[in-house]
Amino acid sequence: MAEINWTAESEQWLKDIHDYIAQDNPRAAIRLVASIYIFRLLGFFEANNIVILNHAFTKKTQKTPAREINIAEKRKREYLKEKSLT
């Protein structure tokens, strides 16, 4: 499984969003920050160790829904078709 490393810029962006929301509702700010980290990325490997990430969705269960996999597979086919035309 891949590890996502947040850049200093993205960490600052997240802190700024939290601080802005926390002015009115500290509990909502905590929930927002927690929910940002709960997502899944789907994609595939291409030549030369390139990873194409073609779908992201909010993680709600342990099992990846078939609908989300189908979206990623469709986008992969579309990407490869477009690439072969160029």
PDB file of N, CA and C in Angstrom:
ATOM      1  N   MET A   1       0.845  -1.177   0.000  1.00  0.00           N
ATOM      2  CA  MET A   1       0.000   0.000   0.000  1.00  0.00           C
ATOM      3  C   MET A   1       0.888   1.237   0.000  1.00  0.00           C
ATOM      4  N   ALA A   2       0.500   2.208  -0.778  1.00  0.00           N
ATOM      5  CA  ALA A   2       1.266   3.454  -0.894  1.00  0.00           C
ATOM      6  C   ALA A   2       1.060   4.334   0.327  1.00  0.00           C
ATOM      7  N   GLU A   3       2.050   5.120   0.614  1.00  0.00           N
ATOM      8  CA  GLU A   3       1.967   6.083   1.710  1.00  0.00           C
ATOM      9  C   GLU A   3       1.833   7.471   1.115  1.00  0.00           C
ATOM     10  N   ILE A   4       0.935   8.252   1.669  1.00  0.00           N
ATOM     11  CA  ILE A   4       0.749   9.626   1.204  1.00  0.00           C
ATOM     12  C   ILE A   4       1.481  10.552   2.159  1.00  0.00           C
ATOM     13  N   ASN A   5       2.369  11.326   1.622  1.00  0.00           N
ATOM     14  CA  ASN A   5       3.116  12.295   2.421  1.00  0.00           C
ATOM     15  C   ASN A   5       2.594  13.694   2.113  1.00  0.00           C
ATOM     16  N   TRP A   6       2.149  14.377   3.146  1.00  0.00           N
ATOM     17  CA  TRP A   6       1.634  15.734   2.975  1.00  0.00           C
ATOM     18  C   TRP A   6       2.804  16.699   2.898  1.00  0.00           C
ATOM     19  N   THR A   7       2.743  17.615   1.957  1.00  0.00           N
ATOM     20  CA  THR A   7       3.777  18.642   1.852  1.00  0.00           C
ATOM     21  C   THR A   7       3.545  19.696   2.927  1.00  0.00           C
ATOM     22  N   ALA A   8       4.539  20.516   3.163  1.00  0.00           N
ATOM     23  CA  ALA A   8       4.392  21.603   4.143  1.00  0.00           C
ATOM     24  C   ALA A   8       3.263  22.538   3.719  1.00  0.00           C
ATOM     25  N   GLU A   9       3.154  22.764   2.424  1.00  0.00           N
ATOM     26  CA  GLU A   9       2.094  23.638   1.909  1.00  0.00           C
ATOM     27  C   GLU A   9       0.708  23.047   2.169  1.00  0.00           C
ATOM     28  N   SER A  10       0.557  21.748   1.951  1.00  0.00           N
ATOM     29  CA  SER A  10      -0.755  21.137   2.186  1.00  0.00           C
ATOM     30  C   SER A  10      -1.087  21.084   3.669  1.00  0.00           C
ATOM     31  N   GLU A  11      -0.076  20.870   4.509  1.00  0.00           N
ATOM     32  CA  GLU A  11      -0.302  20.891   5.958  1.00  0.00           C
ATOM     33  C   GLU A  11      -0.769  22.280   6.407  1.00  0.00           C
ATOM     34  N   GLN A  12      -0.159  23.328   5.845  1.00  0.00           N
ATOM     35  CA  GLN A  12      -0.559  24.694   6.187  1.00  0.00           C
ATOM     36  C   GLN A  12      -1.973  24.971   5.704  1.00  0.00           C
ATOM     37  N   TRP A  13      -2.296  24.498   4.509  1.00  0.00           N
ATOM     38  CA  TRP A  13      -3.641  24.660   3.953  1.00  0.00           C
ATOM     39  C   TRP A  13      -4.662  24.009   4.869  1.00  0.00           C
ATOM     40  N   LEU A  14      -4.375  22.799   5.328  1.00  0.00           N
ATOM     41  CA  LEU A  14      -5.276  22.087   6.222  1.00  0.00           C
ATOM     42  C   LEU A  14      -5.439  22.839   7.550  1.00  0.00           C
ATOM     43  N   LYS A  15      -4.343  23.357   8.088  1.00  0.00           N
ATOM     44  CA  LYS A  15      -4.407  24.122   9.329  1.00  0.00           C
ATOM     45  C   LYS A  15      -5.227  25.396   9.141  1.00  0.00           C
ATOM     46  N   ASP A  16      -5.046  26.074   8.016  1.00  0.00           N
ATOM     47  CA  ASP A  16      -5.807  27.292   7.745  1.00  0.00           C
ATOM     48  C   ASP A  16      -7.309  27.009   7.661  1.00  0.00           C
ATOM     49  N   ILE A  17      -7.675  25.927   6.994  1.00  0.00           N
ATOM     50  CA  ILE A  17      -9.093  25.554   6.912  1.00  0.00           C
ATOM     51  C   ILE A  17      -9.644  25.256   8.304  1.00  0.00           C
ATOM     52  N   HIS A  18      -8.889  24.480   9.073  1.00  0.00           N
ATOM     53  CA  HIS A  18      -9.318  24.140  10.433  1.00  0.00           C
ATOM     54  C   HIS A  18      -9.532  25.409  11.262  1.00  0.00           C
ATOM     55  N   ASP A  19      -8.547  26.298  11.234  1.00  0.00           N
ATOM     56  CA  ASP A  19      -8.634  27.513  12.045  1.00  0.00           C
ATOM     57  C   ASP A  19      -9.818  28.390  11.635  1.00  0.00           C
ATOM     58  N   TYR A  20     -10.059  28.471  10.326  1.00  0.00           N
ATOM     59  CA  TYR A  20     -11.175  29.283   9.826  1.00  0.00           C
ATOM     60  C   TYR A  20     -12.515  28.722  10.317  1.00  0.00           C
ATOM     61  N   ILE A  21     -12.697  27.418  10.182  1.00  0.00           N
ATOM     62  CA  ILE A  21     -13.957  26.798  10.603  1.00  0.00           C
ATOM     63  C   ILE A  21     -14.087  26.806  12.127  1.00  0.00           C
ATOM     64  N   ALA A  22     -12.977  26.622  12.824  1.00  0.00           N
ATOM     65  CA  ALA A  22     -12.998  26.561  14.280  1.00  0.00           C
ATOM     66  C   ALA A  22     -13.431  27.881  14.920  1.00  0.00           C
ATOM     67  N   GLN A  23     -13.304  28.973  14.207  1.00  0.00           N
ATOM     68  CA  GLN A  23     -13.756  30.253  14.739  1.00  0.00           C
ATOM     69  C   GLN A  23     -15.237  30.199  15.093  1.00  0.00           C
ATOM     70  N   ASP A  24     -16.023  29.518  14.269  1.00  0.00           N
ATOM     71  CA  ASP A  24     -17.467  29.414  14.488  1.00  0.00           C
ATOM     72  C   ASP A  24     -17.876  28.107  15.155  1.00  0.00           C
ATOM     73  N   ASN A  25     -17.179  27.017  14.823  1.00  0.00           N
ATOM     74  CA  ASN A  25     -17.602  25.713  15.313  1.00  0.00           C
ATOM     75  C   ASN A  25     -16.401  24.773  15.439  1.00  0.00           C
ATOM     76  N   PRO A  26     -15.758  24.745  16.599  1.00  0.00           N
ATOM     77  CA  PRO A  26     -14.565  23.906  16.777  1.00  0.00           C
ATOM     78  C   PRO A  26     -14.809  22.418  16.517  1.00  0.00           C
ATOM     79  N   ARG A  27     -15.984  21.921  16.877  1.00  0.00           N
ATOM     80  CA  ARG A  27     -16.266  20.498  16.662  1.00  0.00           C
ATOM     81  C   ARG A  27     -16.343  20.174  15.170  1.00  0.00           C
ATOM     82  N   ALA A  28     -16.947  21.052  14.400  1.00  0.00           N
ATOM     83  CA  ALA A  28     -17.033  20.839  12.955  1.00  0.00           C
ATOM     84  C   ALA A  28     -15.641  20.848  12.328  1.00  0.00           C
ATOM     85  N   ALA A  29     -14.777  21.695  12.834  1.00  0.00           N
ATOM     86  CA  ALA A  29     -13.420  21.776  12.298  1.00  0.00           C
ATOM     87  C   ALA A  29     -12.674  20.467  12.522  1.00  0.00           C
ATOM     88  N   ILE A  30     -12.835  19.876  13.671  1.00  0.00           N
ATOM     89  CA  ILE A  30     -12.171  18.599  13.967  1.00  0.00           C
ATOM     90  C   ILE A  30     -12.706  17.508  13.048  1.00  0.00           C
ATOM     91  N   ARG A  31     -14.029  17.465  12.864  1.00  0.00           N
ATOM     92  CA  ARG A  31     -14.627  16.454  11.983  1.00  0.00           C
ATOM     93  C   ARG A  31     -14.145  16.633  10.547  1.00  0.00           C
ATOM     94  N   LEU A  32     -14.052  17.873  10.103  1.00  0.00           N
ATOM     95  CA  LEU A  32     -13.598  18.137   8.739  1.00  0.00           C
ATOM     96  C   LEU A  32     -12.175  17.628   8.537  1.00  0.00           C
ATOM     97  N   VAL A  33     -11.302  17.969   9.451  1.00  0.00           N
ATOM     98  CA  VAL A  33      -9.906  17.554   9.326  1.00  0.00           C
ATOM     99  C   VAL A  33      -9.806  16.033   9.351  1.00  0.00           C
ATOM    100  N   ALA A  34     -10.547  15.397  10.225  1.00  0.00           N
ATOM    101  CA  ALA A  34     -10.517  13.932  10.286  1.00  0.00           C
ATOM    102  C   ALA A  34     -11.035  13.322   8.996  1.00  0.00           C
ATOM    103  N   SER A  35     -12.084  13.903   8.426  1.00  0.00           N
ATOM    104  CA  SER A  35     -12.671  13.321   7.218  1.00  0.00           C
ATOM    105  C   SER A  35     -11.785  13.509   5.993  1.00  0.00           C
ATOM    106  N   ILE A  36     -10.924  14.505   5.980  1.00  0.00           N
ATOM    107  CA  ILE A  36     -10.041  14.722   4.841  1.00  0.00           C
ATOM    108  C   ILE A  36      -9.095  13.536   4.665  1.00  0.00           C
ATOM    109  N   TYR A  37      -8.707  12.909   5.747  1.00  0.00           N
ATOM    110  CA  TYR A  37      -7.756  11.816   5.680  1.00  0.00           C
ATOM    111  C   TYR A  37      -8.402  10.471   5.324  1.00  0.00           C
ATOM    112  N   ILE A  38      -9.719  10.403   5.257  1.00  0.00           N
ATOM    113  CA  ILE A  38     -10.400   9.137   5.022  1.00  0.00           C
ATOM    114  C   ILE A  38     -10.868   9.094   3.568  1.00  0.00           C
ATOM    115  N   PHE A  39      -9.983   8.664   2.700  1.00  0.00           N
ATOM    116  CA  PHE A  39     -10.330   8.532   1.295  1.00  0.00           C
ATOM    117  C   PHE A  39      -9.495   7.415   0.696  1.00  0.00           C
ATOM    118  N   ARG A  40      -9.919   6.960  -0.458  1.00  0.00           N
ATOM    119  CA  ARG A  40      -9.174   5.937  -1.178  1.00  0.00           C
ATOM    120  C   ARG A  40      -8.891   6.441  -2.585  1.00  0.00           C
ATOM    121  N   LEU A  41      -7.746   6.049  -3.079  1.00  0.00           N
ATOM    122  CA  LEU A  41      -7.348   6.377  -4.437  1.00  0.00           C
ATOM    123  C   LEU A  41      -7.218   5.073  -5.217  1.00  0.00           C
ATOM    124  N   LEU A  42      -7.750   5.068  -6.423  1.00  0.00           N
ATOM    125  CA  LEU A  42      -7.601   3.912  -7.298  1.00  0.00           C
ATOM    126  C   LEU A  42      -6.835   4.337  -8.539  1.00  0.00           C
ATOM    127  N   GLY A  43      -6.069   3.432  -9.062  1.00  0.00           N
ATOM    128  CA  GLY A  43      -5.309   3.736 -10.258  1.00  0.00           C
ATOM    129  C   GLY A  43      -4.610   2.500 -10.766  1.00  0.00           C
ATOM    130  N   PHE A  44      -3.613   2.720 -11.622  1.00  0.00           N
ATOM    131  CA  PHE A  44      -2.896   1.606 -12.215  1.00  0.00           C
ATOM    132  C   PHE A  44      -1.482   2.026 -12.562  1.00  0.00           C
ATOM    133  N   PHE A  45      -0.620   1.019 -12.738  1.00  0.00           N
ATOM    134  CA  PHE A  45       0.759   1.273 -13.127  1.00  0.00           C
ATOM    135  C   PHE A  45       0.857   1.315 -14.640  1.00  0.00           C
ATOM    136  N   GLU A  46       1.661   2.249 -15.110  1.00  0.00           N
ATOM    137  CA  GLU A  46       1.942   2.355 -16.528  1.00  0.00           C
ATOM    138  C   GLU A  46       3.444   2.149 -16.702  1.00  0.00           C
ATOM    139  N   ALA A  47       3.925   2.169 -17.920  1.00  0.00           N
ATOM    140  CA  ALA A  47       5.346   1.958 -18.188  1.00  0.00           C
ATOM    141  C   ALA A  47       6.219   2.944 -17.405  1.00  0.00           C
ATOM    142  N   ASN A  48       7.456   2.539 -17.192  1.00  0.00           N
ATOM    143  CA  ASN A  48       8.461   3.383 -16.528  1.00  0.00           C
ATOM    144  C   ASN A  48       8.069   3.766 -15.103  1.00  0.00           C
ATOM    145  N   ASN A  49       7.406   2.864 -14.399  1.00  0.00           N
ATOM    146  CA  ASN A  49       7.042   3.083 -12.999  1.00  0.00           C
ATOM    147  C   ASN A  49       6.175   4.307 -12.778  1.00  0.00           C
ATOM    148  N   ILE A  50       5.320   4.616 -13.727  1.00  0.00           N
ATOM    149  CA  ILE A  50       4.391   5.734 -13.588  1.00  0.00           C
ATOM    150  C   ILE A  50       3.080   5.200 -13.033  1.00  0.00           C
ATOM    151  N   VAL A  51       2.558   5.882 -12.028  1.00  0.00           N
ATOM    152  CA  VAL A  51       1.277   5.509 -11.454  1.00  0.00           C
ATOM    153  C   VAL A  51       0.240   6.531 -11.907  1.00  0.00           C
ATOM    154  N   ILE A  52      -0.826   6.037 -12.494  1.00  0.00           N
ATOM    155  CA  ILE A  52      -1.931   6.888 -12.930  1.00  0.00           C
ATOM    156  C   ILE A  52      -3.051   6.722 -11.912  1.00  0.00           C
ATOM    157  N   LEU A  53      -3.341   7.771 -11.157  1.00  0.00           N
ATOM    158  CA  LEU A  53      -4.451   7.752 -10.207  1.00  0.00           C
ATOM    159  C   LEU A  53      -5.670   8.305 -10.933  1.00  0.00           C
ATOM    160  N   ASN A  54      -6.683   7.470 -11.076  1.00  0.00           N
ATOM    161  CA  ASN A  54      -7.804   7.878 -11.909  1.00  0.00           C
ATOM    162  C   ASN A  54      -9.142   7.965 -11.189  1.00  0.00           C
ATOM    163  N   HIS A  55      -9.145   7.701  -9.890  1.00  0.00           N
ATOM    164  CA  HIS A  55     -10.414   7.825  -9.154  1.00  0.00           C
ATOM    165  C   HIS A  55     -10.123   7.951  -7.662  1.00  0.00           C
ATOM    166  N   ALA A  56     -10.869   8.818  -7.008  1.00  0.00           N
ATOM    167  CA  ALA A  56     -10.787   8.981  -5.556  1.00  0.00           C
ATOM    168  C   ALA A  56     -12.199   9.038  -5.006  1.00  0.00           C
ATOM    169  N   PHE A  57     -12.377   8.473  -3.829  1.00  0.00           N
ATOM    170  CA  PHE A  57     -13.696   8.500  -3.201  1.00  0.00           C
ATOM    171  C   PHE A  57     -13.537   8.433  -1.696  1.00  0.00           C
ATOM    172  N   THR A  58     -14.562   8.829  -0.997  1.00  0.00           N
ATOM    173  CA  THR A  58     -14.550   8.819   0.456  1.00  0.00           C
ATOM    174  C   THR A  58     -14.676   7.400   0.970  1.00  0.00           C
ATOM    175  N   LYS A  59     -13.809   7.043   1.880  1.00  0.00           N
ATOM    176  CA  LYS A  59     -13.819   5.704   2.467  1.00  0.00           C
ATOM    177  C   LYS A  59     -14.956   5.608   3.480  1.00  0.00           C
ATOM    178  N   LYS A  60     -15.850   4.645   3.273  1.00  0.00           N
ATOM    179  CA  LYS A  60     -16.959   4.449   4.200  1.00  0.00           C
ATOM    180  C   LYS A  60     -16.981   3.054   4.791  1.00  0.00           C
ATOM    181  N   THR A  61     -16.418   2.094   4.070  1.00  0.00           N
ATOM    182  CA  THR A  61     -16.390   0.708   4.545  1.00  0.00           C
ATOM    183  C   THR A  61     -15.012   0.120   4.269  1.00  0.00           C
ATOM    184  N   GLN A  62     -14.746  -1.057   4.816  1.00  0.00           N
ATOM    185  CA  GLN A  62     -13.477  -1.723   4.555  1.00  0.00           C
ATOM    186  C   GLN A  62     -13.401  -2.224   3.113  1.00  0.00           C
ATOM    187  N   LYS A  63     -14.533  -2.704   2.588  1.00  0.00           N
ATOM    188  CA  LYS A  63     -14.553  -3.258   1.238  1.00  0.00           C
ATOM    189  C   LYS A  63     -14.798  -2.138   0.223  1.00  0.00           C
ATOM    190  N   THR A  64     -14.032  -2.169  -0.860  1.00  0.00           N
ATOM    191  CA  THR A  64     -14.218  -1.181  -1.922  1.00  0.00           C
ATOM    192  C   THR A  64     -15.462  -1.542  -2.725  1.00  0.00           C
ATOM    193  N   PRO A  65     -16.433  -0.626  -2.810  1.00  0.00           N
ATOM    194  CA  PRO A  65     -17.658  -0.914  -3.563  1.00  0.00           C
ATOM    195  C   PRO A  65     -17.373  -1.177  -5.040  1.00  0.00           C
ATOM    196  N   ALA A  66     -18.115  -2.104  -5.628  1.00  0.00           N
ATOM    197  CA  ALA A  66     -17.952  -2.451  -7.046  1.00  0.00           C
ATOM    198  C   ALA A  66     -18.137  -1.225  -7.930  1.00  0.00           C
ATOM    199  N   ARG A  67     -19.045  -0.344  -7.561  1.00  0.00           N
ATOM    200  CA  ARG A  67     -19.287   0.873  -8.345  1.00  0.00           C
ATOM    201  C   ARG A  67     -18.016   1.703  -8.484  1.00  0.00           C
ATOM    202  N   GLU A  68     -17.258   1.837  -7.403  1.00  0.00           N
ATOM    203  CA  GLU A  68     -16.026   2.631  -7.432  1.00  0.00           C
ATOM    204  C   GLU A  68     -14.964   1.954  -8.296  1.00  0.00           C
ATOM    205  N   ILE A  69     -14.873   0.636  -8.208  1.00  0.00           N
ATOM    206  CA  ILE A  69     -13.926  -0.106  -9.041  1.00  0.00           C
ATOM    207  C   ILE A  69     -14.297   0.036 -10.513  1.00  0.00           C
ATOM    208  N   ASN A  70     -15.590  -0.049 -10.811  1.00  0.00           N
ATOM    209  CA  ASN A  70     -16.049   0.085 -12.195  1.00  0.00           C
ATOM    210  C   ASN A  70     -15.705   1.451 -12.778  1.00  0.00           C
ATOM    211  N   ILE A  71     -15.846   2.486 -11.974  1.00  0.00           N
ATOM    212  CA  ILE A  71     -15.491   3.838 -12.428  1.00  0.00           C
ATOM    213  C   ILE A  71     -14.009   3.895 -12.782  1.00  0.00           C
ATOM    214  N   ALA A  72     -13.165   3.362 -11.895  1.00  0.00           N
ATOM    215  CA  ALA A  72     -11.717   3.379 -12.140  1.00  0.00           C
ATOM    216  C   ALA A  72     -11.356   2.564 -13.376  1.00  0.00           C
ATOM    217  N   GLU A  73     -11.986   1.404 -13.545  1.00  0.00           N
ATOM    218  CA  GLU A  73     -11.699   0.568 -14.717  1.00  0.00           C
ATOM    219  C   GLU A  73     -12.132   1.255 -16.012  1.00  0.00           C
ATOM    220  N   LYS A  74     -13.280   1.917 -15.983  1.00  0.00           N
ATOM    221  CA  LYS A  74     -13.761   2.637 -17.165  1.00  0.00           C
ATOM    222  C   LYS A  74     -12.795   3.767 -17.523  1.00  0.00           C
ATOM    223  N   ARG A  75     -12.352   4.499 -16.529  1.00  0.00           N
ATOM    224  CA  ARG A  75     -11.417   5.599 -16.782  1.00  0.00           C
ATOM    225  C   ARG A  75     -10.076   5.082 -17.302  1.00  0.00           C
ATOM    226  N   LYS A  76      -9.651   3.919 -16.807  1.00  0.00           N
ATOM    227  CA  LYS A  76      -8.404   3.328 -17.306  1.00  0.00           C
ATOM    228  C   LYS A  76      -8.544   2.997 -18.786  1.00  0.00           C
ATOM    229  N   ARG A  77      -9.652   2.357 -19.164  1.00  0.00           N
ATOM    230  CA  ARG A  77      -9.882   2.023 -20.573  1.00  0.00           C
ATOM    231  C   ARG A  77      -9.891   3.288 -21.433  1.00  0.00           C
ATOM    232  N   GLU A  78     -10.579   4.330 -20.951  1.00  0.00           N
ATOM    233  CA  GLU A  78     -10.640   5.587 -21.693  1.00  0.00           C
ATOM    234  C   GLU A  78      -9.248   6.207 -21.849  1.00  0.00           C
ATOM    235  N   TYR A  79      -8.480   6.186 -20.780  1.00  0.00           N
ATOM    236  CA  TYR A  79      -7.128   6.754 -20.809  1.00  0.00           C
ATOM    237  C   TYR A  79      -6.263   6.010 -21.821  1.00  0.00           C
ATOM    238  N   LEU A  80      -6.282   4.674 -21.758  1.00  0.00           N
ATOM    239  CA  LEU A  80      -5.452   3.884 -22.654  1.00  0.00           C
ATOM    240  C   LEU A  80      -5.898   4.038 -24.106  1.00  0.00           C
ATOM    241  N   LYS A  81      -7.193   4.161 -24.321  1.00  0.00           N
ATOM    242  CA  LYS A  81      -7.707   4.368 -25.681  1.00  0.00           C
ATOM    243  C   LYS A  81      -7.230   5.713 -26.228  1.00  0.00           C
ATOM    244  N   GLU A  82      -7.373   6.773 -25.427  1.00  0.00           N
ATOM    245  CA  GLU A  82      -6.920   8.107 -25.845  1.00  0.00           C
ATOM    246  C   GLU A  82      -5.419   8.109 -26.115  1.00  0.00           C
ATOM    247  N   LYS A  83      -4.678   7.436 -25.254  1.00  0.00           N
ATOM    248  CA  LYS A  83      -3.218   7.409 -25.399  1.00  0.00           C
ATOM    249  C   LYS A  83      -2.814   6.697 -26.681  1.00  0.00           C
ATOM    250  N   SER A  84      -3.528   5.647 -27.035  1.00  0.00           N
ATOM    251  CA  SER A  84      -3.184   4.900 -28.250  1.00  0.00           C
ATOM    252  C   SER A  84      -3.506   5.702 -29.519  1.00  0.00           C
ATOM    253  N   LEU A  85      -4.403   6.674 -29.414  1.00  0.00           N
ATOM    254  CA  LEU A  85      -4.755   7.506 -30.565  1.00  0.00           C
ATOM    255  C   LEU A  85      -3.736   8.596 -30.833  1.00  0.00           C
ATOM    256  N   THR A  86      -2.907   8.895 -29.839  1.00  0.00           N
ATOM    257  CA  THR A  86      -1.921   9.988 -30.013  1.00  0.00           C
ATOM    258  C   THR A  86      -0.592   9.469 -30.476  1.00  0.00           C
TER     259      THR A  86
END
